[in-house]
Amino acid sequence: MADTDDTSAVFPREATQATLAVQRDADALKPLLMDLDYSNETHLLEEFTQRFAEYRRLDRNIMDLAVENTKLKAQRLSFGPARNAANEFRAALEPTAPADAAKDGWRVKALVAGAVANVREIEVPQAPHIAAADEAAMTRLEQRIPRSRPRDERPRT
C-alpha cells in the first residue's frame, strides 16, 4: 500500500507496462509457432493466453484497489474530519445538560454523557480496524463497536 496518491499510481503503471510486454511477446510468438507447425507448443501458448487473460482481469481489479489506497484515506478521515465531528458532537450536547440538578437534570446529564461515550467507543477501535491486515481481525474489532442505541432503555412505567 502506497503512502500517497501519486506513489500509488506509479506501481500500477509499471505493472501494466510489464503485462503489455508479456502480451506483445505472446502475440508475436503465436505466428512463429504456427509457421513452424509446432502444434503442442501452439496449444500450450493458447492455454497460457487464456490463463493470462484471466490474470489480467484480476490484476485490473487489484490495481484499481491499489490506486485507491483506501487505508491511507481512511486514516486521514479518522484522525481529521471524523475526530473533529466527534468533538463537535460533544460540544453541541454539553450545553443541553442543565447546570443544576433540578427535576431531570441528572438524567439529561447521563444521557449526554452516554451519547458522547458511544461516539468515543467507536473511535477507540477505529485506528486498529483501519490498520488491520485481514478480514478476521477487522471483524473482531467491528464486534467491539457498540450498536446505536440509548444506554438507558428501561421501559417507562
Protein backbone atom coordinates (compact mmCIF):
# COMPACT_ATOMS: atom_id res chain seq x y z
CA MET A 1 0.00 0.00 0.00
CA ALA A 2 1.45 3.31 -1.06
CA ASP A 3 1.61 6.38 1.17
CA THR A 4 0.36 8.90 -1.38
CA ASP A 5 -1.97 9.01 -4.37
CA ASP A 6 0.98 9.81 -6.67
CA THR A 7 3.01 6.85 -5.45
CA SER A 8 0.02 4.53 -5.63
CA ALA A 9 -0.40 5.39 -9.31
CA VAL A 10 3.25 4.59 -10.21
CA PHE A 11 3.14 0.89 -9.32
CA PRO A 12 0.07 0.03 -11.39
CA ARG A 13 1.52 1.89 -14.36
CA GLU A 14 4.74 -0.15 -14.15
CA ALA A 15 2.76 -3.39 -13.75
CA THR A 16 0.60 -2.53 -16.75
CA GLN A 17 3.67 -1.88 -18.90
CA ALA A 18 5.15 -5.25 -17.92
CA THR A 19 1.83 -7.00 -18.62
CA LEU A 20 1.61 -5.40 -22.05
CA ALA A 21 5.15 -6.55 -22.83
CA VAL A 22 4.20 -10.14 -21.98
CA GLN A 23 1.10 -9.86 -24.16
CA ARG A 24 3.13 -8.47 -27.09
CA ASP A 25 5.62 -11.35 -26.77
CA ALA A 26 2.84 -13.95 -26.69
CA ASP A 27 1.16 -12.34 -29.71
CA ALA A 28 4.47 -12.34 -31.62
CA LEU A 29 5.20 -15.96 -30.66
CA LYS A 30 1.91 -17.37 -31.95
CA PRO A 31 2.52 -16.91 -35.71
CA LEU A 32 6.08 -18.25 -35.36
CA LEU A 33 4.87 -21.44 -33.69
CA MET A 34 2.16 -21.88 -36.31
CA ASP A 35 4.60 -21.32 -39.21
CA LEU A 36 6.93 -23.93 -37.71
CA ASP A 37 3.96 -26.29 -37.27
CA TYR A 38 4.66 -26.71 -33.55
CA SER A 39 1.17 -27.88 -32.57
CA ASN A 40 1.99 -28.85 -28.95
CA GLU A 41 3.68 -25.52 -28.31
CA THR A 42 0.84 -23.66 -30.06
CA HIS A 43 -1.66 -25.44 -27.82
CA LEU A 44 0.41 -24.55 -24.72
CA LEU A 45 0.55 -20.93 -25.85
CA GLU A 46 -3.24 -20.89 -26.27
CA GLU A 47 -3.65 -22.22 -22.72
CA PHE A 48 -1.24 -19.59 -21.48
CA THR A 49 -3.15 -16.89 -23.36
CA GLN A 50 -6.46 -17.93 -21.76
CA ARG A 51 -4.99 -18.01 -18.26
CA PHE A 52 -3.15 -14.77 -18.84
CA ALA A 53 -6.45 -13.13 -19.82
CA GLU A 54 -7.94 -14.31 -16.51
CA TYR A 55 -4.92 -12.96 -14.69
CA ARG A 56 -5.30 -9.59 -16.42
CA ARG A 57 -8.95 -9.32 -15.33
CA LEU A 58 -7.98 -10.00 -11.71
CA ASP A 59 -4.98 -7.71 -11.97
CA ARG A 60 -7.18 -4.84 -13.17
CA ASN A 61 -9.39 -5.19 -10.11
CA ILE A 62 -6.39 -5.33 -7.80
CA MET A 63 -4.78 -2.32 -9.44
CA ASP A 64 -7.99 -0.32 -9.07
CA LEU A 65 -7.95 -1.07 -5.35
CA ALA A 66 -4.24 -0.28 -5.04
CA VAL A 67 -4.73 3.14 -6.61
CA GLU A 68 -7.48 3.92 -4.13
CA ASN A 69 -5.10 3.39 -1.18
CA THR A 70 -8.21 3.28 0.97
CA LYS A 71 -6.42 2.64 4.25
CA LEU A 72 -4.45 5.86 3.95
CA LYS A 73 -7.59 7.81 3.12
CA ALA A 74 -9.46 6.15 5.98
CA GLN A 75 -6.66 7.13 8.37
CA ARG A 76 -6.79 10.73 7.22
CA LEU A 77 -10.56 10.83 7.65
CA SER A 78 -10.39 9.13 11.05
CA PHE A 79 -7.79 11.45 12.52
CA GLY A 80 -9.13 14.59 10.85
CA PRO A 81 -12.78 15.11 9.95
CA ALA A 82 -14.14 12.14 11.96
CA ARG A 83 -12.35 13.19 15.15
CA ASN A 84 -13.44 16.80 14.61
CA ALA A 85 -17.05 15.67 14.12
CA ALA A 86 -16.91 13.65 17.36
CA ASN A 87 -15.56 16.67 19.23
CA GLU A 88 -18.24 18.93 17.69
CA PHE A 89 -20.90 16.39 18.70
CA ARG A 90 -19.70 16.53 22.30
CA ALA A 91 -19.53 20.33 22.23
CA ALA A 92 -23.05 20.55 20.81
CA LEU A 93 -24.52 18.29 23.51
CA GLU A 94 -22.78 19.74 26.56
CA PRO A 95 -24.94 22.89 26.73
CA THR A 96 -28.10 20.75 26.83
CA ALA A 97 -27.16 19.38 30.25
CA PRO A 98 -28.73 21.65 32.87
CA ALA A 99 -26.39 23.34 35.31
CA ASP A 100 -28.47 22.42 38.35
CA ALA A 101 -29.72 19.05 39.46
CA ALA A 102 -33.37 20.06 39.04
CA LYS A 103 -36.10 17.57 38.27
CA ASP A 104 -34.49 15.59 35.39
CA GLY A 105 -31.12 17.35 35.34
CA TRP A 106 -29.05 14.30 36.29
CA ARG A 107 -30.92 12.13 33.79
CA VAL A 108 -30.18 14.63 30.98
CA LYS A 109 -26.53 14.78 32.02
CA ALA A 110 -26.35 10.98 32.00
CA LEU A 111 -27.95 10.78 28.54
CA VAL A 112 -25.49 13.37 27.19
CA ALA A 113 -22.55 11.52 28.75
CA GLY A 114 -23.86 8.23 27.36
CA ALA A 115 -24.17 9.64 23.84
CA VAL A 116 -20.64 11.05 23.97
CA ALA A 117 -19.33 7.74 25.36
CA ASN A 118 -20.97 5.86 22.45
CA VAL A 119 -19.14 8.06 19.96
CA ARG A 120 -15.85 7.56 21.80
CA GLU A 121 -16.40 3.78 21.86
CA ILE A 122 -16.48 3.87 18.07
CA GLU A 123 -13.32 5.96 17.90
CA VAL A 124 -11.24 3.59 20.06
CA PRO A 125 -11.20 0.55 17.71
CA GLN A 126 -11.27 2.68 14.56
CA ALA A 127 -7.50 3.09 14.10
CA PRO A 128 -6.67 -0.59 14.69
CA HIS A 129 -9.51 -1.51 12.30
CA ILE A 130 -8.00 0.64 9.57
CA ALA A 131 -4.56 -0.86 10.16
CA ALA A 132 -5.82 -4.46 10.29
CA ALA A 133 -4.43 -6.66 7.54
CA ASP A 134 -7.11 -9.35 7.38
CA GLU A 135 -10.88 -9.69 7.48
CA ALA A 136 -10.93 -11.74 10.70
CA ALA A 137 -9.10 -9.03 12.65
CA MET A 138 -11.40 -6.33 11.25
CA THR A 139 -14.49 -8.40 12.13
CA ARG A 140 -13.30 -8.83 15.73
CA LEU A 141 -12.80 -5.07 16.01
CA GLU A 142 -16.21 -4.35 14.45
CA GLN A 143 -17.84 -6.56 17.08
CA ARG A 144 -16.42 -4.26 19.77
CA ILE A 145 -18.18 -1.22 18.29
CA PRO A 146 -21.47 -0.64 20.11
CA ARG A 147 -24.72 -0.68 18.20
CA SER A 148 -26.55 2.65 18.07
CA ARG A 149 -28.98 2.54 20.96
CA PRO A 150 -29.53 4.66 24.04
CA ARG A 151 -27.79 3.39 27.15
CA ASP A 152 -30.98 3.81 29.16
CA GLU A 153 -33.60 1.58 27.56
CA ARG A 154 -35.63 0.85 30.65
CA PRO A 155 -39.35 0.61 29.96
CA ARG A 156 -41.39 3.59 31.11
CA THR A 157 -43.99 2.94 33.79
